[in-house]
Amino acid sequence: MPESAYRMFQSHPASAMPMESPLAWSYQHTGLPKQDKQSTVLLHERAFLGHLLLRGGAIALDKALRSVLNLSLPARPLSLIVKEGYSVQWLAPDEWLLIVPQGEEFAVERGLREQLAGEHYAIVNVSGGQTLFTLTGKNTLPVLMKSAVYDVHPANFPPGKGVTTVFANTPLALRRPDEACWELVVRRSFADYVFRWLLDAGAEYGINVAR
C-alpha cells in the first residue's frame, strides 16, 4: 500500500519573524502580580516549545524515537520520560505527546518520519496550539489541590507521572517531571484563563511570575 501524502510546516523559518506568547494579551491586560520576596510559588510559562503528537504502534515508535533522540517511549499508562530538555508523555494506548526544545520540532518530525517509513503512524505538530506552564515552590501542592480534580498527593502522583485531567474546569495535561516541579500543558485558547486562575489560587502564597 503506498504511503499517504503528508505536509510538514517549518514553524521556525530562518528569517526572523515576530512571535507572541499565548500569554501576550494576559501580560498586557491582566498584568503581573507584584513580586513578593516571601513567595512560595513560582509560575513560569515556557512558550514556543515544540509539541508533537505521536500515534501508532509502540514498538515502531519506540525504535524511531531511540534512533532520532536516543529517548525511550513510555510504555506504562500515565507515565512520563524526561531527558535533557526532551519529554514524552503517555496519553493513550497508541498516543504520546513529545515535547522538544524550541525550533527543533521540524527536524525531529522529519527524522521520525524517515525512521517510520512503511509503518502505520501519525505525527501532528501542535506547537502553535499549546503552551507549557511550570509551577515550583513549597506551596505548589496546595495550589494544585485547589484546582485539579485528580489526586495530586505525592503518594498518588510521584515524579515521572503525567495525566490528562480537568484543571479549573479546563482539560489539560498535568505532569510531574521531577520532585520539585509540576507542569501544565495547556491549549492556547485556555492559556489566559488558566494563568488568571493560578494567580488567584496562588495569591495567598504570594505567587510570583517568571518571564
N, C-alpha and C. Protein backbone atom coordinates (compact mmCIF):
# COMPACT_ATOMS: atom_id res chain seq x y z
N MET A 1 0.85 -1.19 0.00
CA MET A 1 0.00 0.00 0.00
C MET A 1 0.88 1.24 0.00
N PRO A 2 0.69 2.20 -0.93
CA PRO A 2 1.53 3.39 -0.98
C PRO A 2 1.33 4.26 0.25
N GLU A 3 2.41 4.90 0.68
CA GLU A 3 2.33 5.77 1.86
C GLU A 3 1.52 7.01 1.53
N SER A 4 0.64 7.41 2.46
CA SER A 4 -0.21 8.57 2.22
C SER A 4 0.63 9.85 2.19
N ALA A 5 0.16 10.83 1.44
CA ALA A 5 0.88 12.10 1.34
C ALA A 5 0.71 12.88 2.64
N TYR A 6 1.71 13.63 2.99
CA TYR A 6 1.63 14.47 4.18
C TYR A 6 2.40 15.74 3.90
N ARG A 7 2.09 16.76 4.68
CA ARG A 7 2.77 18.04 4.55
C ARG A 7 3.43 18.40 5.88
N MET A 8 4.64 18.94 5.80
CA MET A 8 5.34 19.40 7.00
C MET A 8 5.51 20.90 6.92
N PHE A 9 5.33 21.56 8.04
CA PHE A 9 5.41 23.01 8.08
C PHE A 9 6.53 23.42 9.03
N GLN A 10 7.48 24.22 8.51
CA GLN A 10 8.58 24.71 9.34
C GLN A 10 8.08 25.94 10.09
N SER A 11 7.75 25.74 11.36
CA SER A 11 7.16 26.82 12.15
C SER A 11 8.20 27.81 12.66
N HIS A 12 9.48 27.50 12.47
CA HIS A 12 10.55 28.41 12.86
C HIS A 12 11.48 28.60 11.67
N PRO A 13 11.05 29.36 10.65
CA PRO A 13 11.90 29.57 9.48
C PRO A 13 13.14 30.37 9.82
N ALA A 14 14.11 30.34 8.88
CA ALA A 14 15.39 31.00 9.14
C ALA A 14 15.24 32.51 9.28
N SER A 15 14.34 33.12 8.50
CA SER A 15 14.16 34.56 8.59
C SER A 15 13.47 34.94 9.90
N ALA A 16 13.89 36.06 10.44
CA ALA A 16 13.35 36.49 11.73
C ALA A 16 11.88 36.86 11.59
N MET A 17 11.05 36.30 12.45
CA MET A 17 9.62 36.61 12.44
C MET A 17 9.18 36.84 13.88
N PRO A 18 8.35 37.84 14.11
CA PRO A 18 7.89 38.09 15.48
C PRO A 18 6.99 36.95 15.97
N MET A 19 7.19 36.55 17.22
CA MET A 19 6.35 35.52 17.82
C MET A 19 5.79 36.06 19.12
N GLU A 20 4.56 35.69 19.41
CA GLU A 20 3.92 36.13 20.65
C GLU A 20 3.57 34.93 21.51
N SER A 21 3.89 35.02 22.77
CA SER A 21 3.47 34.01 23.73
C SER A 21 1.95 33.97 23.79
N PRO A 22 1.37 32.80 24.06
CA PRO A 22 -0.07 32.74 24.28
C PRO A 22 -0.54 33.64 25.42
N LEU A 23 0.41 34.07 26.26
CA LEU A 23 0.06 34.97 27.37
C LEU A 23 0.36 36.43 27.07
N ALA A 24 0.67 36.76 25.82
CA ALA A 24 1.00 38.16 25.49
C ALA A 24 -0.13 39.10 25.90
N TRP A 25 -1.37 38.72 25.56
CA TRP A 25 -2.52 39.54 25.93
C TRP A 25 -2.65 39.62 27.44
N SER A 26 -2.42 38.50 28.12
CA SER A 26 -2.56 38.46 29.58
C SER A 26 -1.56 39.40 30.25
N TYR A 27 -0.33 39.38 29.77
CA TYR A 27 0.69 40.25 30.36
C TYR A 27 0.31 41.72 30.21
N GLN A 28 -0.31 42.07 29.08
CA GLN A 28 -0.66 43.46 28.82
C GLN A 28 -1.92 43.90 29.57
N HIS A 29 -2.91 43.01 29.66
CA HIS A 29 -4.21 43.42 30.20
C HIS A 29 -4.48 42.91 31.62
N THR A 30 -4.05 41.71 31.92
CA THR A 30 -4.23 41.19 33.28
C THR A 30 -3.10 41.68 34.17
N GLY A 31 -1.91 41.76 33.60
CA GLY A 31 -0.76 42.22 34.38
C GLY A 31 -0.16 41.12 35.22
N LEU A 32 0.94 41.45 35.87
CA LEU A 32 1.64 40.50 36.72
C LEU A 32 1.51 40.93 38.18
N PRO A 33 1.48 39.95 39.08
CA PRO A 33 1.42 40.33 40.50
C PRO A 33 2.72 40.99 40.92
N LYS A 34 2.64 41.82 41.91
CA LYS A 34 3.83 42.46 42.45
C LYS A 34 4.75 41.38 43.02
N GLN A 35 6.03 41.48 42.70
CA GLN A 35 6.98 40.48 43.17
C GLN A 35 7.03 40.45 44.70
N ASP A 36 6.89 39.27 45.25
CA ASP A 36 6.85 39.07 46.70
C ASP A 36 8.08 38.27 47.12
N LYS A 37 8.92 38.88 47.93
CA LYS A 37 10.14 38.20 48.37
C LYS A 37 9.84 36.99 49.24
N GLN A 38 8.64 36.94 49.80
CA GLN A 38 8.25 35.82 50.65
C GLN A 38 7.47 34.75 49.88
N SER A 39 7.39 34.90 48.57
CA SER A 39 6.59 33.98 47.76
C SER A 39 7.05 32.53 47.92
N THR A 40 6.08 31.62 47.92
CA THR A 40 6.40 30.19 48.00
C THR A 40 5.88 29.43 46.79
N VAL A 41 5.47 30.18 45.74
CA VAL A 41 5.04 29.56 44.49
C VAL A 41 5.57 30.40 43.34
N LEU A 42 6.16 29.75 42.35
CA LEU A 42 6.67 30.45 41.17
C LEU A 42 6.03 29.85 39.92
N LEU A 43 5.41 30.71 39.12
CA LEU A 43 4.78 30.31 37.87
C LEU A 43 5.62 30.80 36.70
N HIS A 44 5.87 29.92 35.75
CA HIS A 44 6.69 30.29 34.60
C HIS A 44 6.09 29.66 33.35
N GLU A 45 5.87 30.48 32.31
CA GLU A 45 5.41 29.94 31.04
C GLU A 45 6.62 29.63 30.17
N ARG A 46 6.67 28.44 29.63
CA ARG A 46 7.71 28.05 28.68
C ARG A 46 7.06 27.99 27.30
N ALA A 47 6.97 29.15 26.68
CA ALA A 47 6.33 29.26 25.38
C ALA A 47 7.28 28.80 24.28
N PHE A 48 6.70 28.50 23.11
CA PHE A 48 7.44 28.22 21.88
C PHE A 48 8.18 26.88 21.86
N LEU A 49 7.92 25.99 22.81
CA LEU A 49 8.48 24.65 22.73
C LEU A 49 7.82 23.91 21.57
N GLY A 50 8.46 22.85 21.10
CA GLY A 50 7.87 22.04 20.04
C GLY A 50 7.00 20.94 20.62
N HIS A 51 5.75 20.86 20.21
CA HIS A 51 4.80 19.85 20.71
C HIS A 51 4.39 18.96 19.54
N LEU A 52 4.68 17.68 19.61
CA LEU A 52 4.33 16.73 18.56
C LEU A 52 3.48 15.60 19.14
N LEU A 53 2.33 15.37 18.55
CA LEU A 53 1.50 14.23 18.93
C LEU A 53 1.89 13.04 18.07
N LEU A 54 2.21 11.93 18.73
CA LEU A 54 2.62 10.71 18.04
C LEU A 54 1.54 9.65 18.22
N ARG A 55 1.17 8.99 17.13
CA ARG A 55 0.22 7.89 17.22
C ARG A 55 0.72 6.74 16.37
N GLY A 56 0.51 5.53 16.86
CA GLY A 56 0.93 4.36 16.12
C GLY A 56 1.30 3.23 17.06
N GLY A 57 1.97 2.23 16.52
CA GLY A 57 2.40 1.09 17.33
C GLY A 57 3.58 1.46 18.21
N ALA A 58 3.53 1.01 19.46
CA ALA A 58 4.56 1.38 20.43
C ALA A 58 5.94 0.89 20.01
N ILE A 59 6.03 -0.30 19.46
CA ILE A 59 7.34 -0.86 19.12
C ILE A 59 8.01 -0.03 18.03
N ALA A 60 7.26 0.29 16.98
CA ALA A 60 7.82 1.07 15.87
C ALA A 60 8.18 2.48 16.32
N LEU A 61 7.29 3.12 17.09
CA LEU A 61 7.56 4.48 17.55
C LEU A 61 8.74 4.52 18.51
N ASP A 62 8.84 3.53 19.38
CA ASP A 62 9.96 3.49 20.32
C ASP A 62 11.28 3.35 19.57
N LYS A 63 11.31 2.49 18.57
CA LYS A 63 12.53 2.30 17.77
C LYS A 63 12.92 3.60 17.07
N ALA A 64 11.93 4.29 16.49
CA ALA A 64 12.22 5.54 15.79
C ALA A 64 12.70 6.62 16.75
N LEU A 65 12.06 6.71 17.90
CA LEU A 65 12.42 7.73 18.88
C LEU A 65 13.82 7.49 19.43
N ARG A 66 14.16 6.23 19.65
CA ARG A 66 15.52 5.92 20.12
C ARG A 66 16.55 6.30 19.05
N SER A 67 16.23 6.07 17.81
CA SER A 67 17.16 6.37 16.74
C SER A 67 17.37 7.87 16.57
N VAL A 68 16.28 8.65 16.67
CA VAL A 68 16.36 10.09 16.41
C VAL A 68 16.84 10.88 17.63
N LEU A 69 16.33 10.53 18.82
CA LEU A 69 16.62 11.33 20.02
C LEU A 69 17.27 10.53 21.15
N ASN A 70 17.52 9.24 20.93
CA ASN A 70 18.03 8.38 22.00
C ASN A 70 17.14 8.46 23.23
N LEU A 71 15.83 8.47 22.98
CA LEU A 71 14.82 8.62 24.02
C LEU A 71 13.83 7.48 23.93
N SER A 72 13.50 6.90 25.07
CA SER A 72 12.56 5.78 25.10
C SER A 72 11.12 6.27 25.09
N LEU A 73 10.23 5.45 24.60
CA LEU A 73 8.81 5.74 24.61
C LEU A 73 8.21 5.19 25.90
N PRO A 74 7.44 5.98 26.65
CA PRO A 74 6.82 5.45 27.88
C PRO A 74 5.89 4.31 27.54
N ALA A 75 6.09 3.19 28.17
CA ALA A 75 5.27 2.02 27.89
C ALA A 75 4.11 1.89 28.88
N ARG A 76 4.31 2.41 30.10
CA ARG A 76 3.28 2.27 31.13
C ARG A 76 2.26 3.41 31.02
N PRO A 77 0.99 3.12 31.26
CA PRO A 77 -0.02 4.19 31.28
C PRO A 77 0.33 5.27 32.29
N LEU A 78 0.01 6.51 31.96
CA LEU A 78 0.19 7.67 32.83
C LEU A 78 1.65 7.91 33.20
N SER A 79 2.56 7.54 32.31
CA SER A 79 3.97 7.72 32.62
C SER A 79 4.58 8.82 31.76
N LEU A 80 5.69 9.35 32.24
CA LEU A 80 6.38 10.47 31.60
C LEU A 80 7.87 10.21 31.66
N ILE A 81 8.55 10.38 30.53
CA ILE A 81 10.00 10.25 30.48
C ILE A 81 10.59 11.60 30.09
N VAL A 82 11.55 12.08 30.87
CA VAL A 82 12.19 13.37 30.64
C VAL A 82 13.69 13.14 30.53
N LYS A 83 14.30 13.74 29.51
CA LYS A 83 15.73 13.58 29.32
C LYS A 83 16.30 14.77 28.57
N GLU A 84 17.15 15.54 29.23
CA GLU A 84 17.94 16.60 28.61
C GLU A 84 17.11 17.55 27.76
N GLY A 85 16.02 18.05 28.32
CA GLY A 85 15.20 19.02 27.62
C GLY A 85 14.12 18.45 26.73
N TYR A 86 14.05 17.12 26.62
CA TYR A 86 13.03 16.44 25.84
C TYR A 86 12.12 15.66 26.79
N SER A 87 10.87 15.51 26.41
CA SER A 87 9.96 14.71 27.24
C SER A 87 8.95 14.00 26.35
N VAL A 88 8.52 12.82 26.81
CA VAL A 88 7.47 12.06 26.13
C VAL A 88 6.47 11.62 27.19
N GLN A 89 5.21 11.92 26.96
CA GLN A 89 4.15 11.57 27.91
C GLN A 89 3.16 10.60 27.27
N TRP A 90 2.81 9.56 28.01
CA TRP A 90 1.80 8.60 27.59
C TRP A 90 0.44 9.27 27.70
N LEU A 91 -0.33 9.29 26.60
CA LEU A 91 -1.67 9.87 26.62
C LEU A 91 -2.76 8.81 26.48
N ALA A 92 -2.49 7.78 25.69
CA ALA A 92 -3.45 6.71 25.42
C ALA A 92 -2.65 5.50 24.95
N PRO A 93 -3.28 4.32 24.83
CA PRO A 93 -2.52 3.12 24.43
C PRO A 93 -1.74 3.27 23.13
N ASP A 94 -2.17 4.17 22.24
CA ASP A 94 -1.43 4.35 20.99
C ASP A 94 -1.12 5.83 20.72
N GLU A 95 -1.03 6.64 21.78
CA GLU A 95 -0.81 8.08 21.59
C GLU A 95 0.13 8.63 22.66
N TRP A 96 1.07 9.46 22.21
CA TRP A 96 2.05 10.07 23.11
C TRP A 96 2.26 11.53 22.72
N LEU A 97 2.65 12.35 23.71
CA LEU A 97 2.99 13.74 23.46
C LEU A 97 4.50 13.90 23.62
N LEU A 98 5.15 14.32 22.55
CA LEU A 98 6.59 14.57 22.55
C LEU A 98 6.81 16.08 22.58
N ILE A 99 7.58 16.56 23.55
CA ILE A 99 7.92 17.99 23.63
C ILE A 99 9.42 18.14 23.48
N VAL A 100 9.82 19.02 22.57
CA VAL A 100 11.24 19.21 22.25
C VAL A 100 11.58 20.69 22.38
N PRO A 101 12.86 21.04 22.47
CA PRO A 101 13.24 22.46 22.58
C PRO A 101 12.77 23.28 21.39
N GLN A 102 12.65 24.57 21.62
CA GLN A 102 12.17 25.49 20.59
C GLN A 102 12.99 25.36 19.30
N GLY A 103 12.28 25.26 18.19
CA GLY A 103 12.91 25.23 16.88
C GLY A 103 13.35 23.87 16.40
N GLU A 104 13.24 22.84 17.25
CA GLU A 104 13.71 21.51 16.85
C GLU A 104 12.60 20.61 16.31
N GLU A 105 11.35 21.06 16.43
CA GLU A 105 10.24 20.16 16.10
C GLU A 105 10.24 19.74 14.64
N PHE A 106 10.63 20.65 13.75
CA PHE A 106 10.61 20.33 12.33
C PHE A 106 11.61 19.22 12.01
N ALA A 107 12.84 19.37 12.49
CA ALA A 107 13.87 18.37 12.23
C ALA A 107 13.53 17.03 12.90
N VAL A 108 12.98 17.10 14.11
CA VAL A 108 12.61 15.86 14.82
C VAL A 108 11.49 15.14 14.07
N GLU A 109 10.48 15.88 13.63
CA GLU A 109 9.39 15.26 12.89
C GLU A 109 9.91 14.61 11.61
N ARG A 110 10.77 15.31 10.90
CA ARG A 110 11.31 14.76 9.65
C ARG A 110 12.12 13.49 9.92
N GLY A 111 12.92 13.52 10.99
CA GLY A 111 13.71 12.34 11.33
C GLY A 111 12.84 11.15 11.70
N LEU A 112 11.78 11.40 12.47
CA LEU A 112 10.88 10.32 12.85
C LEU A 112 10.17 9.74 11.64
N ARG A 113 9.73 10.59 10.72
CA ARG A 113 9.04 10.11 9.53
C ARG A 113 9.97 9.23 8.69
N GLU A 114 11.23 9.62 8.61
CA GLU A 114 12.18 8.81 7.84
C GLU A 114 12.35 7.43 8.49
N GLN A 115 12.43 7.40 9.80
CA GLN A 115 12.59 6.13 10.51
C GLN A 115 11.33 5.27 10.46
N LEU A 116 10.17 5.91 10.32
CA LEU A 116 8.89 5.19 10.36
C LEU A 116 8.36 4.85 8.97
N ALA A 117 9.15 5.04 7.94
CA ALA A 117 8.71 4.75 6.57
C ALA A 117 8.17 3.32 6.48
N GLY A 118 6.96 3.20 5.94
CA GLY A 118 6.35 1.88 5.80
C GLY A 118 5.48 1.46 6.96
N GLU A 119 5.54 2.20 8.07
CA GLU A 119 4.74 1.87 9.25
C GLU A 119 3.41 2.64 9.21
N HIS A 120 2.45 2.18 10.01
CA HIS A 120 1.19 2.90 10.17
C HIS A 120 1.35 3.83 11.38
N TYR A 121 1.33 5.12 11.14
CA TYR A 121 1.57 6.07 12.22
C TYR A 121 1.00 7.43 11.84
N ALA A 122 0.98 8.34 12.81
CA ALA A 122 0.60 9.72 12.56
C ALA A 122 1.43 10.62 13.47
N ILE A 123 1.92 11.71 12.90
CA ILE A 123 2.63 12.73 13.67
C ILE A 123 1.98 14.07 13.36
N VAL A 124 1.54 14.77 14.39
CA VAL A 124 0.89 16.07 14.21
C VAL A 124 1.63 17.11 15.04
N ASN A 125 2.06 18.18 14.38
CA ASN A 125 2.74 19.28 15.06
C ASN A 125 1.68 20.22 15.63
N VAL A 126 1.53 20.24 16.94
CA VAL A 126 0.52 21.09 17.60
C VAL A 126 1.20 22.20 18.39
N SER A 127 2.43 22.54 18.03
CA SER A 127 3.21 23.52 18.79
C SER A 127 2.49 24.86 18.92
N GLY A 128 1.86 25.32 17.84
CA GLY A 128 1.21 26.62 17.88
C GLY A 128 -0.07 26.63 18.70
N GLY A 129 -0.58 25.46 19.04
CA GLY A 129 -1.85 25.38 19.75
C GLY A 129 -1.73 25.09 21.22
N GLN A 130 -0.51 24.98 21.73
CA GLN A 130 -0.32 24.64 23.14
C GLN A 130 0.80 25.47 23.74
N THR A 131 0.78 25.55 25.05
CA THR A 131 1.90 26.15 25.78
C THR A 131 2.09 25.35 27.05
N LEU A 132 3.17 25.62 27.76
CA LEU A 132 3.51 24.85 28.95
C LEU A 132 3.80 25.79 30.11
N PHE A 133 3.14 25.55 31.25
CA PHE A 133 3.40 26.28 32.48
C PHE A 133 4.17 25.38 33.44
N THR A 134 5.11 25.95 34.18
CA THR A 134 5.73 25.22 35.28
C THR A 134 5.36 25.89 36.59
N LEU A 135 5.20 25.07 37.61
CA LEU A 135 4.94 25.56 38.97
C LEU A 135 5.97 24.94 39.90
N THR A 136 6.65 25.79 40.66
CA THR A 136 7.63 25.32 41.64
C THR A 136 7.42 26.09 42.94
N GLY A 137 8.04 25.59 44.00
CA GLY A 137 7.90 26.25 45.30
C GLY A 137 7.19 25.34 46.29
N LYS A 138 7.42 25.59 47.57
CA LYS A 138 6.93 24.66 48.60
C LYS A 138 5.41 24.62 48.72
N ASN A 139 4.71 25.65 48.24
CA ASN A 139 3.25 25.64 48.31
C ASN A 139 2.58 25.38 46.97
N THR A 140 3.33 24.80 46.06
CA THR A 140 2.73 24.42 44.77
C THR A 140 1.62 23.39 44.96
N LEU A 141 1.85 22.43 45.84
CA LEU A 141 0.86 21.36 46.02
C LEU A 141 -0.50 21.89 46.47
N PRO A 142 -0.57 22.80 47.46
CA PRO A 142 -1.89 23.33 47.83
C PRO A 142 -2.59 24.04 46.67
N VAL A 143 -1.83 24.74 45.83
CA VAL A 143 -2.43 25.41 44.67
C VAL A 143 -3.04 24.38 43.73
N LEU A 144 -2.31 23.27 43.51
CA LEU A 144 -2.82 22.22 42.64
C LEU A 144 -4.05 21.54 43.24
N MET A 145 -4.02 21.33 44.55
CA MET A 145 -5.15 20.66 45.20
C MET A 145 -6.42 21.50 45.11
N LYS A 146 -6.27 22.82 45.07
CA LYS A 146 -7.44 23.68 44.89
C LYS A 146 -8.05 23.55 43.51
N SER A 147 -7.23 23.16 42.54
CA SER A 147 -7.58 23.34 41.14
C SER A 147 -7.87 22.06 40.37
N ALA A 148 -7.20 20.98 40.72
CA ALA A 148 -7.28 19.75 39.93
C ALA A 148 -8.27 18.76 40.52
N VAL A 149 -9.02 18.08 39.66
CA VAL A 149 -9.92 17.03 40.14
C VAL A 149 -9.15 15.74 40.40
N TYR A 150 -7.97 15.61 39.83
CA TYR A 150 -7.15 14.41 40.01
C TYR A 150 -6.41 14.49 41.34
N ASP A 151 -6.19 13.36 41.97
CA ASP A 151 -5.48 13.30 43.25
C ASP A 151 -3.99 13.57 43.03
N VAL A 152 -3.52 14.74 43.47
CA VAL A 152 -2.13 15.11 43.25
C VAL A 152 -1.26 14.86 44.48
N HIS A 153 -1.78 14.17 45.48
CA HIS A 153 -0.96 13.85 46.65
C HIS A 153 0.28 13.08 46.19
N PRO A 154 1.46 13.41 46.74
CA PRO A 154 2.69 12.75 46.30
C PRO A 154 2.64 11.22 46.32
N ALA A 155 1.85 10.66 47.22
CA ALA A 155 1.74 9.21 47.27
C ALA A 155 1.06 8.66 46.02
N ASN A 156 0.21 9.48 45.39
CA ASN A 156 -0.50 9.06 44.19
C ASN A 156 0.09 9.65 42.92
N PHE A 157 0.95 10.68 43.08
CA PHE A 157 1.46 11.37 41.91
C PHE A 157 2.98 11.58 42.08
N PRO A 158 3.75 10.50 41.93
CA PRO A 158 5.20 10.61 42.08
C PRO A 158 5.84 11.25 40.85
N PRO A 159 7.10 11.66 40.94
CA PRO A 159 7.82 12.14 39.75
C PRO A 159 7.81 11.07 38.66
N GLY A 160 7.68 11.52 37.41
CA GLY A 160 7.63 10.59 36.30
C GLY A 160 6.21 10.20 35.91
N LYS A 161 5.22 10.89 36.51
CA LYS A 161 3.82 10.61 36.17
C LYS A 161 3.24 11.78 35.40
N GLY A 162 2.31 11.50 34.49
CA GLY A 162 1.61 12.53 33.75
C GLY A 162 0.21 12.06 33.41
N VAL A 163 -0.77 12.93 33.57
CA VAL A 163 -2.16 12.55 33.31
C VAL A 163 -2.84 13.64 32.49
N THR A 164 -3.89 13.27 31.79
CA THR A 164 -4.79 14.26 31.21
C THR A 164 -5.98 14.34 32.15
N THR A 165 -6.32 15.55 32.55
CA THR A 165 -7.34 15.72 33.58
C THR A 165 -8.06 17.03 33.39
N VAL A 166 -8.96 17.33 34.31
CA VAL A 166 -9.66 18.61 34.32
C VAL A 166 -9.04 19.46 35.42
N PHE A 167 -8.60 20.64 35.04
CA PHE A 167 -7.93 21.55 35.96
C PHE A 167 -8.64 22.89 35.87
N ALA A 168 -9.30 23.28 36.96
CA ALA A 168 -10.06 24.54 36.95
C ALA A 168 -11.05 24.55 35.79
N ASN A 169 -11.77 23.45 35.62
CA ASN A 169 -12.77 23.28 34.55
C ASN A 169 -12.17 23.27 33.15
N THR A 170 -10.87 23.08 33.06
CA THR A 170 -10.17 23.10 31.78
C THR A 170 -9.47 21.78 31.53
N PRO A 171 -9.64 21.15 30.37
CA PRO A 171 -8.88 19.93 30.07
C PRO A 171 -7.43 20.27 29.75
N LEU A 172 -6.51 19.57 30.38
CA LEU A 172 -5.09 19.79 30.12
C LEU A 172 -4.29 18.57 30.56
N ALA A 173 -2.99 18.61 30.28
CA ALA A 173 -2.09 17.56 30.74
C ALA A 173 -1.33 18.07 31.95
N LEU A 174 -1.39 17.32 33.03
CA LEU A 174 -0.69 17.65 34.27
C LEU A 174 0.43 16.65 34.45
N ARG A 175 1.65 17.15 34.65
CA ARG A 175 2.84 16.27 34.70
C ARG A 175 3.73 16.67 35.87
N ARG A 176 4.51 15.68 36.32
CA ARG A 176 5.48 15.94 37.37
C ARG A 176 6.84 15.38 36.91
N PRO A 177 7.64 16.21 36.25
CA PRO A 177 8.91 15.72 35.71
C PRO A 177 9.94 15.39 36.77
N ASP A 178 9.90 16.07 37.91
CA ASP A 178 10.83 15.76 38.99
C ASP A 178 10.20 16.13 40.32
N GLU A 179 10.94 15.95 41.39
CA GLU A 179 10.41 16.14 42.74
C GLU A 179 9.93 17.57 42.98
N ALA A 180 10.62 18.55 42.41
CA ALA A 180 10.36 19.95 42.74
C ALA A 180 9.44 20.67 41.77
N CYS A 181 9.17 20.08 40.60
CA CYS A 181 8.48 20.82 39.54
C CYS A 181 7.23 20.10 39.07
N TRP A 182 6.20 20.90 38.78
CA TRP A 182 4.98 20.41 38.13
C TRP A 182 4.80 21.16 36.82
N GLU A 183 4.22 20.51 35.82
CA GLU A 183 3.99 21.14 34.53
C GLU A 183 2.53 21.01 34.12
N LEU A 184 2.03 22.05 33.45
CA LEU A 184 0.69 22.04 32.89
C LEU A 184 0.82 22.32 31.40
N VAL A 185 0.37 21.39 30.57
CA VAL A 185 0.36 21.60 29.13
C VAL A 185 -1.05 22.05 28.77
N VAL A 186 -1.15 23.31 28.33
CA VAL A 186 -2.44 23.99 28.20
C VAL A 186 -2.69 24.37 26.74
N ARG A 187 -3.92 24.20 26.28
CA ARG A 187 -4.28 24.67 24.95
C ARG A 187 -4.18 26.20 24.92
N ARG A 188 -3.76 26.72 23.79
CA ARG A 188 -3.55 28.15 23.64
C ARG A 188 -4.80 28.96 24.01
N SER A 189 -5.96 28.46 23.60
CA SER A 189 -7.19 29.21 23.84
C SER A 189 -7.56 29.27 25.32
N PHE A 190 -7.00 28.38 26.14
CA PHE A 190 -7.29 28.38 27.58
C PHE A 190 -6.16 29.01 28.40
N ALA A 191 -5.09 29.45 27.74
CA ALA A 191 -3.90 29.89 28.47
C ALA A 191 -4.19 31.06 29.40
N ASP A 192 -4.89 32.08 28.91
CA ASP A 192 -5.17 33.25 29.75
C ASP A 192 -6.03 32.87 30.94
N TYR A 193 -7.04 32.03 30.71
CA TYR A 193 -7.93 31.62 31.80
C TYR A 193 -7.16 30.86 32.88
N VAL A 194 -6.33 29.89 32.48
CA VAL A 194 -5.57 29.11 33.46
C VAL A 194 -4.55 30.01 34.17
N PHE A 195 -3.94 30.92 33.44
CA PHE A 195 -2.98 31.86 34.03
C PHE A 195 -3.65 32.68 35.14
N ARG A 196 -4.82 33.26 34.84
CA ARG A 196 -5.51 34.08 35.84
C ARG A 196 -6.01 33.24 37.00
N TRP A 197 -6.42 32.00 36.70
CA TRP A 197 -6.84 31.11 37.79
C TRP A 197 -5.68 30.85 38.74
N LEU A 198 -4.51 30.57 38.18
CA LEU A 198 -3.34 30.28 39.02
C LEU A 198 -2.93 31.50 39.85
N LEU A 199 -3.03 32.68 39.27
CA LEU A 199 -2.71 33.89 40.03
C LEU A 199 -3.65 34.02 41.23
N ASP A 200 -4.92 33.72 41.02
CA ASP A 200 -5.89 33.81 42.11
C ASP A 200 -5.65 32.71 43.14
N ALA A 201 -5.45 31.48 42.66
CA ALA A 201 -5.25 30.35 43.58
C ALA A 201 -3.96 30.49 44.38
N GLY A 202 -2.96 31.16 43.79
CA GLY A 202 -1.68 31.30 44.46
C GLY A 202 -1.51 32.60 45.21
N ALA A 203 -2.54 33.45 45.20
CA ALA A 203 -2.41 34.78 45.81
C ALA A 203 -2.05 34.70 47.29
N GLU A 204 -2.64 33.77 48.02
CA GLU A 204 -2.37 33.69 49.46
C GLU A 204 -0.94 33.25 49.77
N TYR A 205 -0.25 32.71 48.75
CA TYR A 205 1.14 32.30 48.93
C TYR A 205 2.11 33.28 48.29
N GLY A 206 1.58 34.45 47.85
CA GLY A 206 2.43 35.47 47.25
C GLY A 206 3.04 34.99 45.95
N ILE A 207 2.24 34.38 45.07
CA ILE A 207 2.77 33.78 43.85
C ILE A 207 3.55 34.80 43.02
N ASN A 208 4.69 34.40 42.51
CA ASN A 208 5.49 35.20 41.61
C ASN A 208 5.44 34.60 40.20
N VAL A 209 5.63 35.45 39.20
CA VAL A 209 5.62 35.01 37.81
C VAL A 209 6.98 35.33 37.20
N ALA A 210 7.64 34.32 36.65
CA ALA A 210 8.92 34.49 35.99
C ALA A 210 8.68 34.69 34.49
N ARG A 211 9.41 35.62 33.89
CA ARG A 211 9.28 35.85 32.44
C ARG A 211 10.66 35.77 31.80
